[in-house]
């Protein structure tokens, strides 16, 4: 007869080992999928197209955040906090979840003026997608003419791929609209570091230069 210790310790340990093995196997399958998918694709056309699509994810995410007119953010010093009330706003929830889907958990963003003057540097805010979503939402709400809609237009893509890493540069024309329909906009250049994880490309770091 098996001892109580066997049931108490050995069986749970074996179950844990099986779960870890399953996760490792899934990760390995994703890696093999990556290799099979891009093998023979000399110029990385497929990978580049998928990387460029990340800017569509970015655009849709923050256009949704702009429409989140009932979302609030009252404490700019706590950027990692997700206000449950904001998730009641379907546009905020949509924008946040979409942005999370195309970024790494340690995503960072830097912002510079055209002359190189830093506006936001790596380390100024916590890493992750939520702090940047919170900052954008905060400034949308406190603007003299609060933003109720926006349009991010990206173009002139330039993507480079090296194995499971890559870079992407894109030009953007962004316009924010108030409830009165007044639009204010500008242009920027986005340069991003991307990585291939869990079966898809993700934004890891974005540097934004305001033109």
N, C-alpha and C. Protein backbone atom coordinates (compact mmCIF):
# COMPACT_ATOMS: atom_id res chain seq x y z
N UNK A 1 0.85 -1.19 0.00
CA UNK A 1 0.00 0.00 0.00
C UNK A 1 0.89 1.24 0.00
N UNK A 2 0.52 2.22 -0.82
CA UNK A 2 1.32 3.44 -0.88
C UNK A 2 1.13 4.26 0.39
N UNK A 3 2.21 4.87 0.83
CA UNK A 3 2.17 5.63 2.07
C UNK A 3 1.44 6.95 1.88
N UNK A 4 1.07 7.54 3.00
CA UNK A 4 0.41 8.84 2.97
C UNK A 4 1.35 9.89 2.38
N UNK A 5 2.64 9.75 2.67
CA UNK A 5 3.63 10.72 2.16
C UNK A 5 3.66 10.70 0.63
N UNK A 6 3.46 9.47 0.07
CA UNK A 6 3.45 9.36 -1.39
C UNK A 6 2.30 10.18 -1.98
N UNK A 7 1.14 10.02 -1.37
CA UNK A 7 -0.04 10.74 -1.86
C UNK A 7 0.07 12.23 -1.62
N UNK A 8 0.71 12.60 -0.51
CA UNK A 8 0.76 14.00 -0.11
C UNK A 8 1.81 14.78 -0.91
N UNK A 9 2.95 14.15 -1.18
CA UNK A 9 4.06 14.89 -1.79
C UNK A 9 4.42 14.44 -3.20
N UNK A 10 4.45 13.14 -3.44
CA UNK A 10 4.95 12.64 -4.71
C UNK A 10 3.96 12.93 -5.85
N UNK A 11 2.68 12.63 -5.62
CA UNK A 11 1.69 12.84 -6.68
C UNK A 11 1.60 14.30 -7.10
N UNK A 12 1.49 15.27 -6.12
CA UNK A 12 1.49 16.68 -6.53
C UNK A 12 2.74 17.10 -7.27
N UNK A 13 3.91 16.53 -6.86
CA UNK A 13 5.16 16.87 -7.52
C UNK A 13 5.15 16.40 -8.97
N UNK A 14 4.65 15.16 -9.19
CA UNK A 14 4.58 14.63 -10.55
C UNK A 14 3.63 15.47 -11.41
N UNK A 15 2.53 15.92 -10.81
CA UNK A 15 1.58 16.75 -11.55
C UNK A 15 2.23 18.06 -11.96
N UNK A 16 3.01 18.67 -11.05
CA UNK A 16 3.69 19.93 -11.35
C UNK A 16 4.69 19.75 -12.47
N UNK A 17 5.43 18.63 -12.44
CA UNK A 17 6.42 18.35 -13.48
C UNK A 17 5.74 18.22 -14.84
N UNK A 18 4.56 17.57 -14.85
CA UNK A 18 3.82 17.40 -16.11
C UNK A 18 3.37 18.74 -16.67
N UNK A 19 2.92 19.65 -15.79
CA UNK A 19 2.48 20.98 -16.23
C UNK A 19 3.65 21.75 -16.83
N UNK A 20 4.81 21.72 -16.14
CA UNK A 20 6.00 22.42 -16.64
C UNK A 20 6.42 21.86 -17.99
N UNK A 21 6.37 20.52 -18.11
CA UNK A 21 6.74 19.90 -19.38
C UNK A 21 5.81 20.32 -20.49
N UNK A 22 4.51 20.44 -20.17
CA UNK A 22 3.52 20.87 -21.17
C UNK A 22 3.82 22.29 -21.64
N UNK A 23 4.13 23.20 -20.69
CA UNK A 23 4.43 24.58 -21.03
C UNK A 23 5.67 24.66 -21.90
N UNK A 24 6.72 23.90 -21.53
CA UNK A 24 7.96 23.90 -22.32
C UNK A 24 7.70 23.36 -23.72
N UNK A 25 6.86 22.32 -23.81
CA UNK A 25 6.55 21.75 -25.12
C UNK A 25 5.79 22.75 -25.99
N UNK A 26 4.85 23.48 -25.36
CA UNK A 26 4.09 24.49 -26.11
C UNK A 26 5.01 25.58 -26.62
N UNK A 27 5.94 26.02 -25.77
CA UNK A 27 6.90 27.06 -26.18
C UNK A 27 7.77 26.55 -27.32
N UNK A 28 8.21 25.28 -27.22
CA UNK A 28 9.04 24.70 -28.27
C UNK A 28 8.25 24.60 -29.58
N UNK A 29 6.96 24.23 -29.47
CA UNK A 29 6.12 24.16 -30.67
C UNK A 29 6.01 25.53 -31.33
N UNK A 30 5.89 26.59 -30.52
CA UNK A 30 5.82 27.94 -31.07
C UNK A 30 7.11 28.29 -31.78
N UNK A 31 8.24 27.89 -31.19
CA UNK A 31 9.53 28.16 -31.82
C UNK A 31 9.64 27.43 -33.15
N UNK A 32 9.21 26.15 -33.16
CA UNK A 32 9.25 25.39 -34.41
C UNK A 32 8.32 26.00 -35.44
N UNK A 33 7.15 26.49 -34.97
CA UNK A 33 6.22 27.15 -35.88
C UNK A 33 6.87 28.37 -36.51
N UNK A 34 7.60 29.13 -35.69
CA UNK A 34 8.31 30.31 -36.19
C UNK A 34 9.30 29.89 -37.27
N UNK A 35 10.11 28.86 -36.97
CA UNK A 35 11.13 28.43 -37.93
C UNK A 35 10.50 27.93 -39.22
N UNK A 36 9.42 27.12 -39.10
CA UNK A 36 8.77 26.59 -40.29
C UNK A 36 8.11 27.70 -41.10
N UNK A 37 7.52 28.65 -40.40
CA UNK A 37 6.77 29.71 -41.06
C UNK A 37 7.67 30.59 -41.91
N UNK A 38 8.88 30.88 -41.42
CA UNK A 38 9.76 31.83 -42.09
C UNK A 38 10.90 31.18 -42.87
N UNK A 39 11.03 29.85 -42.77
CA UNK A 39 12.11 29.16 -43.48
C UNK A 39 11.96 29.36 -44.98
N UNK A 40 13.05 29.75 -45.62
CA UNK A 40 13.02 29.95 -47.06
C UNK A 40 12.46 31.30 -47.48
N UNK A 41 12.00 32.06 -46.52
CA UNK A 41 11.44 33.37 -46.83
C UNK A 41 12.60 34.37 -46.82
N UNK A 42 13.35 34.40 -47.91
CA UNK A 42 14.65 35.06 -47.97
C UNK A 42 14.64 36.48 -47.48
N UNK A 43 13.64 37.25 -47.83
CA UNK A 43 13.62 38.66 -47.48
C UNK A 43 12.70 38.97 -46.30
N UNK A 44 12.20 37.95 -45.62
CA UNK A 44 11.39 38.16 -44.44
C UNK A 44 10.08 38.88 -44.72
N UNK A 45 9.50 38.64 -45.90
CA UNK A 45 8.30 39.37 -46.29
C UNK A 45 7.16 39.13 -45.30
N UNK A 46 6.97 37.86 -44.91
CA UNK A 46 5.88 37.53 -43.99
C UNK A 46 6.10 38.20 -42.65
N UNK A 47 7.32 38.06 -42.12
CA UNK A 47 7.62 38.65 -40.82
C UNK A 47 7.47 40.16 -40.85
N UNK A 48 7.95 40.79 -41.89
CA UNK A 48 7.86 42.25 -41.99
C UNK A 48 6.41 42.71 -42.02
N UNK A 49 5.57 41.99 -42.75
CA UNK A 49 4.16 42.36 -42.83
C UNK A 49 3.50 42.25 -41.45
N UNK A 50 3.85 41.20 -40.70
CA UNK A 50 3.28 41.02 -39.36
C UNK A 50 3.79 42.09 -38.40
N UNK A 51 5.05 42.49 -38.55
CA UNK A 51 5.62 43.53 -37.70
C UNK A 51 4.95 44.87 -37.99
N UNK A 52 4.76 45.17 -39.28
CA UNK A 52 4.10 46.42 -39.64
C UNK A 52 2.69 46.49 -39.08
N UNK A 53 2.03 45.34 -38.98
CA UNK A 53 0.66 45.28 -38.47
C UNK A 53 0.60 45.72 -36.99
N UNK A 54 1.72 45.69 -36.29
CA UNK A 54 1.74 46.13 -34.90
C UNK A 54 1.34 47.60 -34.77
N UNK A 55 1.65 48.41 -35.77
CA UNK A 55 1.27 49.82 -35.68
C UNK A 55 -0.23 50.00 -35.88
N UNK A 56 -0.86 49.09 -36.58
CA UNK A 56 -2.33 49.13 -36.67
C UNK A 56 -2.92 48.83 -35.30
N UNK A 57 -2.31 47.86 -34.60
CA UNK A 57 -2.75 47.55 -33.24
C UNK A 57 -2.60 48.77 -32.35
N UNK A 58 -1.47 49.45 -32.45
CA UNK A 58 -1.22 50.66 -31.66
C UNK A 58 -2.27 51.72 -31.98
N UNK A 59 -2.52 51.94 -33.26
CA UNK A 59 -3.48 52.98 -33.68
C UNK A 59 -4.88 52.69 -33.16
N UNK A 60 -5.35 51.47 -33.36
CA UNK A 60 -6.69 51.11 -32.90
C UNK A 60 -6.80 51.21 -31.38
N UNK A 61 -5.72 50.83 -30.69
CA UNK A 61 -5.73 50.88 -29.22
C UNK A 61 -5.96 52.30 -28.72
N UNK A 62 -5.18 53.25 -29.23
CA UNK A 62 -5.25 54.59 -28.67
C UNK A 62 -6.37 55.44 -29.28
N UNK A 63 -6.88 55.03 -30.42
CA UNK A 63 -8.11 55.66 -30.90
C UNK A 63 -9.28 55.25 -30.01
N UNK A 64 -9.25 54.01 -29.53
CA UNK A 64 -10.29 53.56 -28.60
C UNK A 64 -10.16 54.30 -27.26
N UNK A 65 -8.92 54.46 -26.77
CA UNK A 65 -8.70 55.18 -25.51
C UNK A 65 -9.21 56.62 -25.62
N UNK A 66 -9.04 57.23 -26.78
CA UNK A 66 -9.53 58.61 -26.97
C UNK A 66 -11.04 58.68 -26.81
N UNK A 67 -11.75 57.63 -27.22
CA UNK A 67 -13.21 57.63 -27.13
C UNK A 67 -13.72 57.28 -25.72
N UNK A 68 -12.80 56.97 -24.81
CA UNK A 68 -13.18 56.56 -23.45
C UNK A 68 -13.51 57.78 -22.60
N UNK A 69 -14.59 58.47 -22.94
CA UNK A 69 -14.90 59.76 -22.32
C UNK A 69 -15.34 59.63 -20.86
N UNK A 70 -15.73 58.43 -20.42
CA UNK A 70 -16.13 58.27 -19.02
C UNK A 70 -14.98 57.76 -18.16
N UNK A 71 -13.83 57.48 -18.79
CA UNK A 71 -12.66 57.02 -18.03
C UNK A 71 -12.03 58.19 -17.30
N UNK A 72 -11.53 57.92 -16.10
CA UNK A 72 -10.86 58.95 -15.31
C UNK A 72 -9.49 58.48 -14.89
N UNK A 73 -8.65 59.45 -14.56
CA UNK A 73 -7.36 59.09 -13.97
C UNK A 73 -6.95 60.23 -13.05
N UNK A 74 -7.07 59.99 -11.77
CA UNK A 74 -6.90 61.08 -10.80
C UNK A 74 -5.55 61.10 -10.11
N UNK A 75 -4.74 60.09 -10.32
CA UNK A 75 -3.46 60.02 -9.61
C UNK A 75 -2.32 59.71 -10.57
N UNK A 76 -1.75 60.74 -11.21
CA UNK A 76 -0.67 60.49 -12.18
C UNK A 76 0.56 59.85 -11.57
N UNK A 77 0.65 59.82 -10.23
CA UNK A 77 1.82 59.22 -9.59
C UNK A 77 1.71 57.73 -9.43
N UNK A 78 0.58 57.14 -9.80
CA UNK A 78 0.38 55.71 -9.63
C UNK A 78 0.00 55.09 -10.97
N UNK A 79 0.96 55.07 -11.88
CA UNK A 79 0.67 54.69 -13.27
C UNK A 79 0.39 53.21 -13.45
N UNK A 80 0.75 52.39 -12.47
CA UNK A 80 0.54 50.95 -12.60
C UNK A 80 -0.84 50.53 -12.10
N UNK A 81 -1.62 51.49 -11.65
CA UNK A 81 -2.93 51.18 -11.09
C UNK A 81 -3.99 51.15 -12.18
N UNK A 82 -4.76 50.07 -12.23
CA UNK A 82 -5.84 49.95 -13.19
C UNK A 82 -7.15 50.24 -12.46
N UNK A 83 -7.73 51.39 -12.73
CA UNK A 83 -8.97 51.78 -12.08
C UNK A 83 -10.11 50.90 -12.59
N UNK A 84 -10.73 50.09 -11.70
CA UNK A 84 -11.82 49.21 -12.15
C UNK A 84 -12.95 49.99 -12.82
N UNK A 85 -13.15 51.25 -12.40
CA UNK A 85 -14.20 52.06 -13.01
C UNK A 85 -13.93 52.28 -14.49
N UNK A 86 -12.65 52.40 -14.84
CA UNK A 86 -12.32 52.63 -16.25
C UNK A 86 -12.68 51.43 -17.13
N UNK A 87 -12.63 50.23 -16.54
CA UNK A 87 -12.99 49.05 -17.32
C UNK A 87 -14.48 49.01 -17.62
N UNK A 88 -15.26 49.84 -16.89
CA UNK A 88 -16.68 49.95 -17.21
C UNK A 88 -16.92 50.74 -18.48
N UNK A 89 -15.90 51.50 -18.89
CA UNK A 89 -15.98 52.21 -20.16
C UNK A 89 -15.52 51.24 -21.25
N UNK A 90 -16.42 50.82 -22.14
CA UNK A 90 -16.05 49.79 -23.13
C UNK A 90 -14.91 50.21 -24.04
N UNK A 91 -14.78 51.51 -24.31
CA UNK A 91 -13.68 51.96 -25.17
C UNK A 91 -12.34 51.84 -24.47
N UNK A 92 -12.30 52.19 -23.16
CA UNK A 92 -11.06 52.03 -22.41
C UNK A 92 -10.68 50.55 -22.34
N UNK A 93 -11.65 49.71 -22.02
CA UNK A 93 -11.38 48.28 -21.91
C UNK A 93 -10.87 47.72 -23.23
N UNK A 94 -11.50 48.14 -24.34
CA UNK A 94 -11.08 47.67 -25.66
C UNK A 94 -9.65 48.13 -25.97
N UNK A 95 -9.38 49.41 -25.74
CA UNK A 95 -8.05 49.95 -26.05
C UNK A 95 -6.96 49.31 -25.21
N UNK A 96 -7.23 49.15 -23.93
CA UNK A 96 -6.23 48.56 -23.03
C UNK A 96 -5.94 47.11 -23.40
N UNK A 97 -7.00 46.31 -23.60
CA UNK A 97 -6.79 44.91 -23.92
C UNK A 97 -6.11 44.74 -25.28
N UNK A 98 -6.46 45.57 -26.23
CA UNK A 98 -5.83 45.46 -27.54
C UNK A 98 -4.35 45.81 -27.46
N UNK A 99 -4.03 46.89 -26.71
CA UNK A 99 -2.62 47.28 -26.59
C UNK A 99 -1.82 46.21 -25.88
N UNK A 100 -2.40 45.60 -24.84
CA UNK A 100 -1.71 44.51 -24.14
C UNK A 100 -1.41 43.35 -25.08
N UNK A 101 -2.29 43.14 -26.06
CA UNK A 101 -2.13 41.99 -26.96
C UNK A 101 -0.96 42.14 -27.91
N UNK A 102 -0.46 43.36 -28.09
CA UNK A 102 0.62 43.55 -29.07
C UNK A 102 1.89 44.13 -28.43
N UNK A 103 2.00 44.04 -27.10
CA UNK A 103 3.21 44.51 -26.41
C UNK A 103 3.71 43.44 -25.45
N UNK A 104 4.99 43.53 -25.10
CA UNK A 104 5.54 42.65 -24.08
C UNK A 104 5.14 43.18 -22.70
N UNK A 105 5.28 42.34 -21.68
CA UNK A 105 4.93 42.75 -20.33
C UNK A 105 5.85 43.85 -19.81
N UNK A 106 7.07 43.94 -20.38
CA UNK A 106 8.02 44.96 -19.94
C UNK A 106 8.16 46.08 -20.99
N UNK A 107 7.12 46.31 -21.76
CA UNK A 107 7.15 47.35 -22.79
C UNK A 107 7.54 48.71 -22.20
N UNK A 108 8.40 49.43 -22.92
CA UNK A 108 8.80 50.78 -22.50
C UNK A 108 8.68 51.73 -23.68
N UNK A 109 8.51 53.00 -23.36
CA UNK A 109 8.41 54.03 -24.40
C UNK A 109 9.26 55.23 -24.01
N UNK A 110 9.90 55.82 -25.00
CA UNK A 110 10.65 57.06 -24.83
C UNK A 110 10.10 58.08 -25.81
N UNK A 111 10.13 59.36 -25.41
CA UNK A 111 9.64 60.43 -26.28
C UNK A 111 10.69 61.55 -26.32
N UNK A 112 10.99 62.02 -27.52
CA UNK A 112 11.96 63.11 -27.70
C UNK A 112 11.38 64.16 -28.63
N UNK A 113 11.79 65.39 -28.41
CA UNK A 113 11.48 66.43 -29.38
C UNK A 113 12.42 66.28 -30.56
N UNK A 114 12.13 66.98 -31.65
CA UNK A 114 12.90 66.81 -32.88
C UNK A 114 14.38 67.15 -32.69
N UNK A 115 14.68 68.10 -31.78
CA UNK A 115 16.08 68.49 -31.56
C UNK A 115 16.80 67.56 -30.59
N UNK A 116 16.13 66.50 -30.15
CA UNK A 116 16.75 65.54 -29.25
C UNK A 116 16.47 65.76 -27.78
N UNK A 117 15.76 66.82 -27.45
CA UNK A 117 15.41 67.08 -26.05
C UNK A 117 14.47 65.99 -25.54
N UNK A 118 14.84 65.33 -24.43
CA UNK A 118 13.98 64.25 -23.94
C UNK A 118 12.70 64.78 -23.29
N UNK A 119 11.60 64.15 -23.60
CA UNK A 119 10.31 64.44 -22.97
C UNK A 119 9.98 63.35 -21.96
N UNK A 120 10.24 62.10 -22.36
CA UNK A 120 10.01 60.95 -21.50
C UNK A 120 11.09 59.93 -21.81
N UNK A 121 11.86 59.55 -20.80
CA UNK A 121 12.95 58.59 -21.01
C UNK A 121 12.64 57.27 -20.33
N UNK A 122 13.30 56.21 -20.83
CA UNK A 122 13.13 54.90 -20.22
C UNK A 122 13.47 54.97 -18.73
N UNK A 123 12.58 54.47 -17.91
CA UNK A 123 12.78 54.52 -16.47
C UNK A 123 12.00 55.64 -15.80
N UNK A 124 11.52 56.61 -16.59
CA UNK A 124 10.72 57.70 -16.01
C UNK A 124 9.37 57.20 -15.52
N UNK A 125 8.85 56.18 -16.19
CA UNK A 125 7.58 55.58 -15.77
C UNK A 125 7.80 54.07 -15.68
N UNK A 126 6.97 53.36 -14.94
CA UNK A 126 7.12 51.90 -14.84
C UNK A 126 6.98 51.24 -16.21
N UNK A 127 7.64 50.09 -16.37
CA UNK A 127 7.52 49.33 -17.61
C UNK A 127 6.17 48.64 -17.67
N UNK A 128 5.76 48.29 -18.89
CA UNK A 128 4.49 47.61 -19.10
C UNK A 128 3.54 48.47 -19.91
N UNK A 129 2.52 47.87 -20.52
CA UNK A 129 1.59 48.64 -21.36
C UNK A 129 0.69 49.57 -20.58
N UNK A 130 0.31 49.23 -19.34
CA UNK A 130 -0.66 50.02 -18.60
C UNK A 130 -0.20 51.45 -18.31
N UNK A 131 1.04 51.70 -17.85
CA UNK A 131 1.45 53.07 -17.57
C UNK A 131 1.27 54.01 -18.76
N UNK A 132 1.61 53.55 -19.97
CA UNK A 132 1.48 54.42 -21.14
C UNK A 132 0.00 54.65 -21.47
N UNK A 133 -0.83 53.63 -21.33
CA UNK A 133 -2.27 53.80 -21.53
C UNK A 133 -2.81 54.83 -20.55
N UNK A 134 -2.39 54.74 -19.30
CA UNK A 134 -2.86 55.68 -18.28
C UNK A 134 -2.43 57.11 -18.57
N UNK A 135 -1.20 57.28 -19.02
CA UNK A 135 -0.71 58.63 -19.34
C UNK A 135 -1.52 59.24 -20.48
N UNK A 136 -1.71 58.48 -21.56
CA UNK A 136 -2.47 58.99 -22.71
C UNK A 136 -3.90 59.32 -22.28
N UNK A 137 -4.52 58.44 -21.53
CA UNK A 137 -5.88 58.68 -21.07
C UNK A 137 -5.95 59.93 -20.19
N UNK A 138 -4.96 60.09 -19.31
CA UNK A 138 -4.93 61.23 -18.41
C UNK A 138 -4.89 62.55 -19.18
N UNK A 139 -3.99 62.65 -20.15
CA UNK A 139 -3.87 63.90 -20.90
C UNK A 139 -5.06 64.13 -21.84
N UNK A 140 -5.66 63.04 -22.31
CA UNK A 140 -6.90 63.21 -23.09
C UNK A 140 -7.98 63.88 -22.26
N UNK A 141 -8.05 63.51 -20.98
CA UNK A 141 -9.13 64.01 -20.12
C UNK A 141 -8.89 65.43 -19.59
N UNK A 142 -7.61 65.80 -19.36
CA UNK A 142 -7.34 67.10 -18.74
C UNK A 142 -7.05 68.18 -19.78
N UNK A 143 -7.05 67.86 -21.04
CA UNK A 143 -6.77 68.86 -22.08
C UNK A 143 -7.78 69.99 -22.02
N UNK A 144 -7.35 71.17 -22.46
CA UNK A 144 -8.25 72.33 -22.47
C UNK A 144 -9.53 72.02 -23.24
N UNK A 145 -9.35 71.30 -24.35
CA UNK A 145 -10.49 70.78 -25.09
C UNK A 145 -10.38 69.25 -25.04
N UNK A 146 -10.97 68.63 -24.01
CA UNK A 146 -10.81 67.18 -23.81
C UNK A 146 -11.04 66.38 -25.09
N UNK A 147 -10.14 65.44 -25.33
CA UNK A 147 -10.21 64.63 -26.53
C UNK A 147 -11.33 63.61 -26.41
N UNK A 148 -12.18 63.52 -27.42
CA UNK A 148 -13.26 62.55 -27.44
C UNK A 148 -13.12 61.57 -28.60
N UNK A 149 -12.16 61.83 -29.48
CA UNK A 149 -11.92 60.94 -30.61
C UNK A 149 -10.54 61.26 -31.16
N UNK A 150 -9.93 60.33 -31.83
CA UNK A 150 -8.63 60.59 -32.45
C UNK A 150 -8.45 59.70 -33.66
N UNK A 151 -7.46 60.05 -34.45
CA UNK A 151 -7.14 59.25 -35.63
C UNK A 151 -5.62 59.16 -35.75
N UNK A 152 -5.11 57.94 -35.63
CA UNK A 152 -3.69 57.67 -35.83
C UNK A 152 -3.50 57.08 -37.22
N UNK A 153 -2.75 57.75 -38.06
CA UNK A 153 -2.46 57.25 -39.40
C UNK A 153 -0.97 56.95 -39.50
N UNK A 154 -0.63 55.70 -39.74
CA UNK A 154 0.78 55.29 -39.86
C UNK A 154 1.10 54.93 -41.30
N UNK A 155 2.32 55.26 -41.72
CA UNK A 155 2.76 54.92 -43.07
C UNK A 155 4.26 54.95 -43.19
N UNK A 156 4.76 54.77 -44.42
CA UNK A 156 6.20 54.77 -44.71
C UNK A 156 6.94 53.81 -43.78
N UNK A 157 6.48 52.56 -43.74
CA UNK A 157 7.07 51.56 -42.85
C UNK A 157 8.44 51.11 -43.34
N UNK A 158 9.32 50.86 -42.39
CA UNK A 158 10.62 50.25 -42.68
C UNK A 158 10.90 49.24 -41.59
N UNK A 159 10.84 47.94 -41.94
CA UNK A 159 11.02 46.88 -40.96
C UNK A 159 12.25 46.05 -41.30
N UNK A 160 12.98 45.66 -40.27
CA UNK A 160 14.14 44.78 -40.42
C UNK A 160 13.98 43.61 -39.46
N UNK A 161 14.35 42.41 -39.92
CA UNK A 161 14.18 41.21 -39.12
C UNK A 161 15.52 40.48 -38.99
N UNK A 162 15.84 40.09 -37.75
CA UNK A 162 17.02 39.27 -37.49
C UNK A 162 16.60 38.17 -36.52
N UNK A 163 16.25 37.01 -37.08
CA UNK A 163 15.81 35.91 -36.25
C UNK A 163 14.49 36.24 -35.57
N UNK A 164 14.51 36.20 -34.23
CA UNK A 164 13.30 36.49 -33.46
C UNK A 164 13.27 37.92 -32.92
N UNK A 165 14.08 38.77 -33.49
CA UNK A 165 14.08 40.18 -33.12
C UNK A 165 13.98 41.03 -34.38
N UNK A 166 13.56 42.26 -34.20
CA UNK A 166 13.46 43.13 -35.36
C UNK A 166 13.29 44.58 -34.95
N UNK A 167 13.29 45.46 -35.94
CA UNK A 167 13.05 46.88 -35.71
C UNK A 167 12.01 47.37 -36.71
N UNK A 168 11.30 48.39 -36.31
CA UNK A 168 10.26 48.96 -37.17
C UNK A 168 10.26 50.47 -37.02
N UNK A 169 10.30 51.17 -38.14
CA UNK A 169 10.17 52.62 -38.15
C UNK A 169 8.93 52.99 -38.97
N UNK A 170 8.15 53.91 -38.44
CA UNK A 170 6.94 54.34 -39.15
C UNK A 170 6.69 55.81 -38.86
N UNK A 171 6.15 56.51 -39.85
CA UNK A 171 5.74 57.90 -39.68
C UNK A 171 4.27 57.93 -39.29
N UNK A 172 3.91 58.90 -38.46
CA UNK A 172 2.52 58.98 -38.00
C UNK A 172 1.99 60.39 -38.11
N UNK A 173 0.74 60.50 -38.52
CA UNK A 173 -0.01 61.75 -38.46
C UNK A 173 -1.17 61.50 -37.49
N UNK A 174 -1.21 62.26 -36.41
CA UNK A 174 -2.18 62.01 -35.34
C UNK A 174 -3.02 63.26 -35.12
N UNK A 175 -4.32 63.08 -35.10
CA UNK A 175 -5.24 64.18 -34.85
C UNK A 175 -6.18 63.81 -33.72
N UNK A 176 -6.30 64.71 -32.75
CA UNK A 176 -7.25 64.52 -31.67
C UNK A 176 -8.41 65.48 -31.83
N UNK A 177 -9.63 65.00 -31.57
CA UNK A 177 -10.82 65.81 -31.77
C UNK A 177 -11.56 66.00 -30.43
N UNK A 178 -12.07 67.20 -30.23
CA UNK A 178 -12.87 67.49 -29.05
C UNK A 178 -14.34 67.25 -29.35
N UNK A 179 -15.18 67.35 -28.32
CA UNK A 179 -16.62 67.14 -28.51
C UNK A 179 -17.20 68.14 -29.50
N UNK A 180 -16.57 69.32 -29.58
CA UNK A 180 -17.06 70.35 -30.51
C UNK A 180 -16.61 70.09 -31.95
N UNK A 181 -15.81 69.03 -32.13
CA UNK A 181 -15.34 68.69 -33.47
C UNK A 181 -14.05 69.37 -33.85
N UNK A 182 -13.46 70.14 -32.92
CA UNK A 182 -12.21 70.82 -33.21
C UNK A 182 -11.07 69.82 -33.19
N UNK A 183 -10.25 69.84 -34.24
CA UNK A 183 -9.14 68.91 -34.33
C UNK A 183 -7.80 69.57 -34.17
N UNK A 184 -6.91 68.93 -33.40
CA UNK A 184 -5.54 69.39 -33.24
C UNK A 184 -4.63 68.20 -33.49
N UNK A 185 -3.61 68.40 -34.30
CA UNK A 185 -2.78 67.26 -34.65
C UNK A 185 -1.32 67.59 -34.83
N UNK A 186 -0.56 66.56 -35.13
CA UNK A 186 0.86 66.71 -35.37
C UNK A 186 1.40 65.44 -36.00
N UNK A 187 2.68 65.46 -36.31
CA UNK A 187 3.32 64.30 -36.91
C UNK A 187 4.45 63.82 -36.01
N UNK A 188 4.72 62.54 -36.09
CA UNK A 188 5.76 61.92 -35.25
C UNK A 188 6.41 60.77 -36.01
N UNK A 189 7.58 60.38 -35.53
CA UNK A 189 8.26 59.19 -36.05
C UNK A 189 8.36 58.18 -34.92
N UNK A 190 7.91 56.96 -35.19
CA UNK A 190 7.95 55.88 -34.20
C UNK A 190 9.00 54.86 -34.64
N UNK A 191 9.95 54.57 -33.76
CA UNK A 191 10.93 53.52 -34.02
C UNK A 191 10.81 52.50 -32.88
N UNK A 192 10.56 51.26 -33.25
CA UNK A 192 10.27 50.25 -32.24
C UNK A 192 11.20 49.04 -32.35
N UNK A 193 11.53 48.48 -31.19
CA UNK A 193 12.19 47.18 -31.11
C UNK A 193 11.08 46.15 -30.92
N UNK A 194 11.11 45.09 -31.71
CA UNK A 194 10.08 44.06 -31.63
C UNK A 194 10.72 42.70 -31.39
N UNK A 195 9.95 41.80 -30.78
CA UNK A 195 10.43 40.44 -30.51
C UNK A 195 9.33 39.45 -30.86
N UNK A 196 9.75 38.23 -31.18
CA UNK A 196 8.80 37.16 -31.48
C UNK A 196 8.67 36.29 -30.24
N UNK A 197 7.49 36.29 -29.61
CA UNK A 197 7.25 35.51 -28.40
C UNK A 197 5.87 34.87 -28.46
N UNK A 198 5.79 33.65 -27.97
CA UNK A 198 4.51 32.95 -27.86
C UNK A 198 3.72 32.97 -29.17
N UNK A 199 4.43 32.82 -30.26
CA UNK A 199 3.76 32.67 -31.54
C UNK A 199 3.39 33.94 -32.27
N UNK A 200 3.87 35.11 -31.80
CA UNK A 200 3.54 36.34 -32.51
C UNK A 200 4.58 37.42 -32.22
N UNK A 201 4.58 38.45 -33.06
CA UNK A 201 5.48 39.59 -32.87
C UNK A 201 4.85 40.57 -31.88
N UNK A 202 5.72 41.18 -31.04
CA UNK A 202 5.25 42.11 -30.02
C UNK A 202 6.16 43.33 -29.96
N UNK A 203 5.58 44.47 -29.63
CA UNK A 203 6.36 45.69 -29.38
C UNK A 203 7.05 45.57 -28.02
N UNK A 204 8.35 45.80 -27.99
CA UNK A 204 9.10 45.72 -26.74
C UNK A 204 9.52 47.12 -26.26
N UNK A 205 9.95 47.95 -27.20
CA UNK A 205 10.35 49.32 -26.86
C UNK A 205 10.03 50.23 -28.04
N UNK A 206 9.44 51.36 -27.75
CA UNK A 206 9.10 52.34 -28.80
C UNK A 206 9.73 53.68 -28.47
N UNK A 207 10.39 54.27 -29.44
CA UNK A 207 10.94 55.62 -29.30
C UNK A 207 10.16 56.53 -30.23
N UNK A 208 9.55 57.56 -29.66
CA UNK A 208 8.70 58.47 -30.42
C UNK A 208 9.40 59.82 -30.52
N UNK A 209 9.57 60.30 -31.73
CA UNK A 209 10.17 61.62 -31.95
C UNK A 209 9.10 62.53 -32.50
N UNK A 210 8.82 63.61 -31.76
CA UNK A 210 7.78 64.55 -32.17
C UNK A 210 8.35 65.52 -33.21
N UNK A 211 7.72 65.58 -34.37
CA UNK A 211 8.20 66.45 -35.45
C UNK A 211 7.63 67.86 -35.33
